[in-house]
Amino acid sequence: MASLATAEVCDSNSSAVASGDLRVLHPIFRIYGQSKTFWGPIVTVKVFEDNVLVRELLETRGEGRVLVIDGGGSLRCALVGGNIGQLAQTMGWAGIVVNGCIRDVDEINECSIGIRALASHPLKSSKKGVGEKHVPIYIAGTLIRDGEWLYADSDGIIVSKTELSV
């Protein structure tokens, strides 16, 4: 299936950008994984230095969805590693966006999904199970809600209230 170019979408939807129906995330994420371009309906999770809920969500069937993790922008540990990246691929997730860090970069880069994160960090997160699933989150200057659509490519990441034509 063809993908949408985020720059072209922004150019041809200026009124949707102006109204907030189409939002552009600040360009703060690094590109990981084999899929440089990915898109799908959003599932949100809000955690801080704890990835138990991240794993729980990625253990469910992805069906082409994108997990957006608000990790509070922490640069003190990783929320996604090689095992979780492989799990996401196996379960059919299209991608993961992490407002935080990943680790096991070489393993992540072998996964055939798209992953965006602020940086890599060798320390693993805690395992307390604290956080919230399916809640509105605010990352990269953008409010993101469960069920909206995310589109990512080499130019950046956009979020739309509705599915765009691919």
C-alpha atoms as a PDB file:
ATOM      1  CA  MET A   1       0.000   0.000   0.000  1.00  0.00           C
ATOM      2  CA  ALA A   2       1.284   3.464  -0.842  1.00  0.00           C
ATOM      3  CA  SER A   3       1.989   5.951   1.911  1.00  0.00           C
ATOM      4  CA  LEU A   4       1.250   9.620   2.335  1.00  0.00           C
ATOM      5  CA  ALA A   5       4.076  12.150   2.225  1.00  0.00           C
ATOM      6  CA  THR A   6       3.686  14.280   5.344  1.00  0.00           C
ATOM      7  CA  ALA A   7       4.970  17.418   3.581  1.00  0.00           C
ATOM      8  CA  GLU A   8       2.417  17.018   0.777  1.00  0.00           C
ATOM      9  CA  VAL A   9      -0.378  16.388   3.290  1.00  0.00           C
ATOM     10  CA  CYS A  10       0.524  19.600   5.122  1.00  0.00           C
ATOM     11  CA  ASP A  11       0.693  21.571   1.850  1.00  0.00           C
ATOM     12  CA  SER A  12      -2.693  20.381   0.650  1.00  0.00           C
ATOM     13  CA  ASN A  13      -4.495  20.653   4.000  1.00  0.00           C
ATOM     14  CA  SER A  14      -3.612  24.127   5.289  1.00  0.00           C
ATOM     15  CA  SER A  15      -7.147  24.696   6.590  1.00  0.00           C
ATOM     16  CA  ALA A  16      -6.998  21.447   8.608  1.00  0.00           C
ATOM     17  CA  VAL A  17      -3.630  22.535  10.026  1.00  0.00           C
ATOM     18  CA  ALA A  18      -5.072  25.954  10.924  1.00  0.00           C
ATOM     19  CA  SER A  19      -8.120  24.383  12.625  1.00  0.00           C
ATOM     20  CA  GLY A  20      -6.080  21.798  14.571  1.00  0.00           C
ATOM     21  CA  ASP A  21      -7.673  18.824  12.808  1.00  0.00           C
ATOM     22  CA  LEU A  22      -4.190  18.101  11.423  1.00  0.00           C
ATOM     23  CA  ARG A  23      -1.246  18.647  13.768  1.00  0.00           C
ATOM     24  CA  VAL A  24       2.515  18.457  13.262  1.00  0.00           C
ATOM     25  CA  LEU A  25       4.726  17.156  16.057  1.00  0.00           C
ATOM     26  CA  HIS A  26       7.865  19.137  16.877  1.00  0.00           C
ATOM     27  CA  PRO A  27      10.898  17.589  15.107  1.00  0.00           C
ATOM     28  CA  ILE A  28      12.523  16.074  18.182  1.00  0.00           C
ATOM     29  CA  PHE A  29      12.449  12.357  17.351  1.00  0.00           C
ATOM     30  CA  ARG A  30      15.180  10.120  15.962  1.00  0.00           C
ATOM     31  CA  ILE A  31      14.278   7.447  13.410  1.00  0.00           C
ATOM     32  CA  TYR A  32      14.748   3.761  14.295  1.00  0.00           C
ATOM     33  CA  GLY A  33      13.492   0.456  12.864  1.00  0.00           C
ATOM     34  CA  GLN A  34      13.328  -0.665   9.248  1.00  0.00           C
ATOM     35  CA  SER A  35      10.068   1.093   8.363  1.00  0.00           C
ATOM     36  CA  LYS A  36      10.989   4.727   7.825  1.00  0.00           C
ATOM     37  CA  THR A  37       7.371   5.401   6.848  1.00  0.00           C
ATOM     38  CA  PHE A  38       4.418   4.147   8.897  1.00  0.00           C
ATOM     39  CA  TRP A  39       0.868   5.121   9.793  1.00  0.00           C
ATOM     40  CA  GLY A  40      -2.187   3.885  11.618  1.00  0.00           C
ATOM     41  CA  PRO A  41      -4.756   4.550  14.311  1.00  0.00           C
ATOM     42  CA  ILE A  42      -3.243   5.696  17.601  1.00  0.00           C
ATOM     43  CA  VAL A  43      -3.216   3.920  20.959  1.00  0.00           C
ATOM     44  CA  THR A  44      -1.916   6.116  23.785  1.00  0.00           C
ATOM     45  CA  VAL A  45      -0.172   5.292  27.037  1.00  0.00           C
ATOM     46  CA  LYS A  46       1.238   7.630  29.677  1.00  0.00           C
ATOM     47  CA  VAL A  47       4.050   6.292  31.868  1.00  0.00           C
ATOM     48  CA  PHE A  48       7.204   7.555  33.568  1.00  0.00           C
ATOM     49  CA  GLU A  49      10.326   5.411  33.654  1.00  0.00           C
ATOM     50  CA  ASP A  50       8.134   2.274  33.840  1.00  0.00           C
ATOM     51  CA  ASN A  51       7.313   0.139  30.799  1.00  0.00           C
ATOM     52  CA  VAL A  52       4.897  -2.476  32.190  1.00  0.00           C
ATOM     53  CA  LEU A  53       1.852  -0.886  30.492  1.00  0.00           C
ATOM     54  CA  VAL A  54       3.832  -0.479  27.254  1.00  0.00           C
ATOM     55  CA  ARG A  55       4.475  -4.224  27.155  1.00  0.00           C
ATOM     56  CA  GLU A  56       0.850  -5.009  28.085  1.00  0.00           C
ATOM     57  CA  LEU A  57      -0.437  -2.993  25.131  1.00  0.00           C
ATOM     58  CA  LEU A  58       2.112  -4.411  22.688  1.00  0.00           C
ATOM     59  CA  GLU A  59       1.155  -7.951  23.736  1.00  0.00           C
ATOM     60  CA  THR A  60      -2.260  -7.312  22.144  1.00  0.00           C
ATOM     61  CA  ARG A  61      -2.895  -7.597  18.410  1.00  0.00           C
ATOM     62  CA  GLY A  62      -1.641  -4.425  16.779  1.00  0.00           C
ATOM     63  CA  GLU A  63      -3.718  -4.625  13.599  1.00  0.00           C
ATOM     64  CA  GLY A  64      -1.650  -1.827  12.032  1.00  0.00           C
ATOM     65  CA  ARG A  65      -2.015   0.561  14.960  1.00  0.00           C
ATOM     66  CA  VAL A  66       0.644   2.927  16.301  1.00  0.00           C
ATOM     67  CA  LEU A  67       1.489   3.045  20.005  1.00  0.00           C
ATOM     68  CA  VAL A  68       2.277   6.579  21.179  1.00  0.00           C
ATOM     69  CA  ILE A  69       4.064   6.554  24.531  1.00  0.00           C
ATOM     70  CA  ASP A  70       4.230   9.665  26.673  1.00  0.00           C
ATOM     71  CA  GLY A  71       7.239   8.828  28.790  1.00  0.00           C
ATOM     72  CA  GLY A  72       7.448  12.354  30.141  1.00  0.00           C
ATOM     73  CA  GLY A  73      10.467  13.035  27.940  1.00  0.00           C
ATOM     74  CA  SER A  74      12.696  11.192  30.414  1.00  0.00           C
ATOM     75  CA  LEU A  75      16.259  10.649  29.258  1.00  0.00           C
ATOM     76  CA  ARG A  76      17.156   8.550  32.326  1.00  0.00           C
ATOM     77  CA  CYS A  77      16.150   5.065  31.098  1.00  0.00           C
ATOM     78  CA  ALA A  78      14.671   3.206  28.119  1.00  0.00           C
ATOM     79  CA  LEU A  79      10.976   2.359  27.743  1.00  0.00           C
ATOM     80  CA  VAL A  80      11.378   0.132  24.660  1.00  0.00           C
ATOM     81  CA  GLY A  81      14.121  -2.399  23.983  1.00  0.00           C
ATOM     82  CA  GLY A  82      14.853  -5.094  21.451  1.00  0.00           C
ATOM     83  CA  ASN A  83      12.474  -7.664  22.948  1.00  0.00           C
ATOM     84  CA  ILE A  84       9.573  -5.206  23.013  1.00  0.00           C
ATOM     85  CA  GLY A  85      10.384  -4.048  19.469  1.00  0.00           C
ATOM     86  CA  GLN A  86      10.291  -7.665  18.282  1.00  0.00           C
ATOM     87  CA  LEU A  87       7.031  -8.228  20.182  1.00  0.00           C
ATOM     88  CA  ALA A  88       5.456  -5.199  18.473  1.00  0.00           C
ATOM     89  CA  GLN A  89       6.525  -6.510  15.070  1.00  0.00           C
ATOM     90  CA  THR A  90       5.217 -10.019  15.792  1.00  0.00           C
ATOM     91  CA  MET A  91       1.875  -8.695  17.052  1.00  0.00           C
ATOM     92  CA  GLY A  92       1.296  -6.560  13.935  1.00  0.00           C
ATOM     93  CA  TRP A  93       1.873  -3.016  15.198  1.00  0.00           C
ATOM     94  CA  ALA A  94       2.791  -0.478  12.498  1.00  0.00           C
ATOM     95  CA  GLY A  95       4.959   1.650  14.745  1.00  0.00           C
ATOM     96  CA  ILE A  96       5.859   3.138  18.089  1.00  0.00           C
ATOM     97  CA  VAL A  97       6.511   6.765  18.999  1.00  0.00           C
ATOM     98  CA  VAL A  98       8.322   7.215  22.329  1.00  0.00           C
ATOM     99  CA  ASN A  99       8.515  10.531  24.147  1.00  0.00           C
ATOM    100  CA  GLY A 100      11.487   9.023  25.935  1.00  0.00           C
ATOM    101  CA  CYS A 101      14.283   6.585  25.169  1.00  0.00           C
ATOM    102  CA  ILE A 102      14.798   3.172  23.628  1.00  0.00           C
ATOM    103  CA  ARG A 103      17.683   0.729  23.963  1.00  0.00           C
ATOM    104  CA  ASP A 104      19.106  -2.242  22.052  1.00  0.00           C
ATOM    105  CA  VAL A 105      19.320  -0.003  18.980  1.00  0.00           C
ATOM    106  CA  ASP A 106      20.905  -2.671  16.746  1.00  0.00           C
ATOM    107  CA  GLU A 107      18.045  -5.087  17.558  1.00  0.00           C
ATOM    108  CA  ILE A 108      15.417  -2.344  17.140  1.00  0.00           C
ATOM    109  CA  ASN A 109      16.864  -1.467  13.731  1.00  0.00           C
ATOM    110  CA  GLU A 110      16.307  -5.082  12.627  1.00  0.00           C
ATOM    111  CA  CYS A 111      12.568  -4.842  13.389  1.00  0.00           C
ATOM    112  CA  SER A 112      10.321  -4.289  10.384  1.00  0.00           C
ATOM    113  CA  ILE A 113       8.237  -1.598  12.085  1.00  0.00           C
ATOM    114  CA  GLY A 114       8.787   2.139  12.474  1.00  0.00           C
ATOM    115  CA  ILE A 115      10.036   3.519  15.759  1.00  0.00           C
ATOM    116  CA  ARG A 116      10.652   7.128  16.776  1.00  0.00           C
ATOM    117  CA  ALA A 117      12.257   8.094  20.085  1.00  0.00           C
ATOM    118  CA  LEU A 118      14.134  10.986  21.633  1.00  0.00           C
ATOM    119  CA  ALA A 119      17.362   9.000  22.116  1.00  0.00           C
ATOM    120  CA  SER A 120      18.862   5.691  23.172  1.00  0.00           C
ATOM    121  CA  HIS A 121      19.832   4.818  26.737  1.00  0.00           C
ATOM    122  CA  PRO A 122      21.308   1.548  28.067  1.00  0.00           C
ATOM    123  CA  LEU A 123      19.410   1.495  31.385  1.00  0.00           C
ATOM    124  CA  LYS A 124      16.116  -0.418  31.517  1.00  0.00           C
ATOM    125  CA  SER A 125      13.007   1.063  33.127  1.00  0.00           C
ATOM    126  CA  SER A 126      11.359   0.075  36.390  1.00  0.00           C
ATOM    127  CA  LYS A 127       8.556  -2.503  36.447  1.00  0.00           C
ATOM    128  CA  LYS A 128       5.866  -1.153  38.780  1.00  0.00           C
ATOM    129  CA  GLY A 129       2.907  -1.012  36.388  1.00  0.00           C
ATOM    130  CA  VAL A 130       2.180   2.661  37.050  1.00  0.00           C
ATOM    131  CA  GLY A 131       0.591   4.775  34.320  1.00  0.00           C
ATOM    132  CA  GLU A 132      -2.550   5.258  32.228  1.00  0.00           C
ATOM    133  CA  LYS A 133      -3.718   3.692  28.971  1.00  0.00           C
ATOM    134  CA  HIS A 134      -5.986   5.271  26.346  1.00  0.00           C
ATOM    135  CA  VAL A 135      -5.763   8.827  27.734  1.00  0.00           C
ATOM    136  CA  PRO A 136      -5.088  12.124  25.934  1.00  0.00           C
ATOM    137  CA  ILE A 137      -1.373  12.933  26.007  1.00  0.00           C
ATOM    138  CA  TYR A 138       0.627  16.016  25.137  1.00  0.00           C
ATOM    139  CA  ILE A 139       3.992  15.420  23.476  1.00  0.00           C
ATOM    140  CA  ALA A 140       6.160  17.331  21.013  1.00  0.00           C
ATOM    141  CA  GLY A 141       3.890  20.369  21.257  1.00  0.00           C
ATOM    142  CA  THR A 142       0.817  18.376  20.273  1.00  0.00           C
ATOM    143  CA  LEU A 143      -2.269  16.995  22.007  1.00  0.00           C
ATOM    144  CA  ILE A 144      -2.824  13.400  20.889  1.00  0.00           C
ATOM    145  CA  ARG A 145      -5.926  11.318  21.557  1.00  0.00           C
ATOM    146  CA  ASP A 146      -6.521   7.594  21.406  1.00  0.00           C
ATOM    147  CA  GLY A 147      -8.149   6.701  18.068  1.00  0.00           C
ATOM    148  CA  GLU A 148      -6.685   9.577  16.037  1.00  0.00           C
ATOM    149  CA  TRP A 149      -4.364   8.753  13.120  1.00  0.00           C
ATOM    150  CA  LEU A 150      -0.587   9.141  12.997  1.00  0.00           C
ATOM    151  CA  TYR A 151       1.512   9.381   9.836  1.00  0.00           C
ATOM    152  CA  ALA A 152       5.323   9.342   9.989  1.00  0.00           C
ATOM    153  CA  ASP A 153       7.990   9.594   7.315  1.00  0.00           C
ATOM    154  CA  SER A 154      11.485  11.055   6.954  1.00  0.00           C
ATOM    155  CA  ASP A 155      10.065  14.611   7.006  1.00  0.00           C
ATOM    156  CA  GLY A 156       8.258  14.255  10.315  1.00  0.00           C
ATOM    157  CA  ILE A 157       5.155  13.106  12.151  1.00  0.00           C
ATOM    158  CA  ILE A 158       1.609  14.372  11.731  1.00  0.00           C
ATOM    159  CA  VAL A 159      -1.565  13.518  13.634  1.00  0.00           C
ATOM    160  CA  SER A 160      -5.044  13.741  12.115  1.00  0.00           C
ATOM    161  CA  LYS A 161      -8.419  13.573  13.829  1.00  0.00           C
ATOM    162  CA  THR A 162      -9.549  11.233  11.025  1.00  0.00           C
ATOM    163  CA  GLU A 163      -7.965   8.760   8.625  1.00  0.00           C
ATOM    164  CA  LEU A 164      -6.439  10.406   5.564  1.00  0.00           C
ATOM    165  CA  SER A 165      -6.635   8.884   2.082  1.00  0.00           C
ATOM    166  CA  VAL A 166      -3.534   6.823   1.358  1.00  0.00           C
END
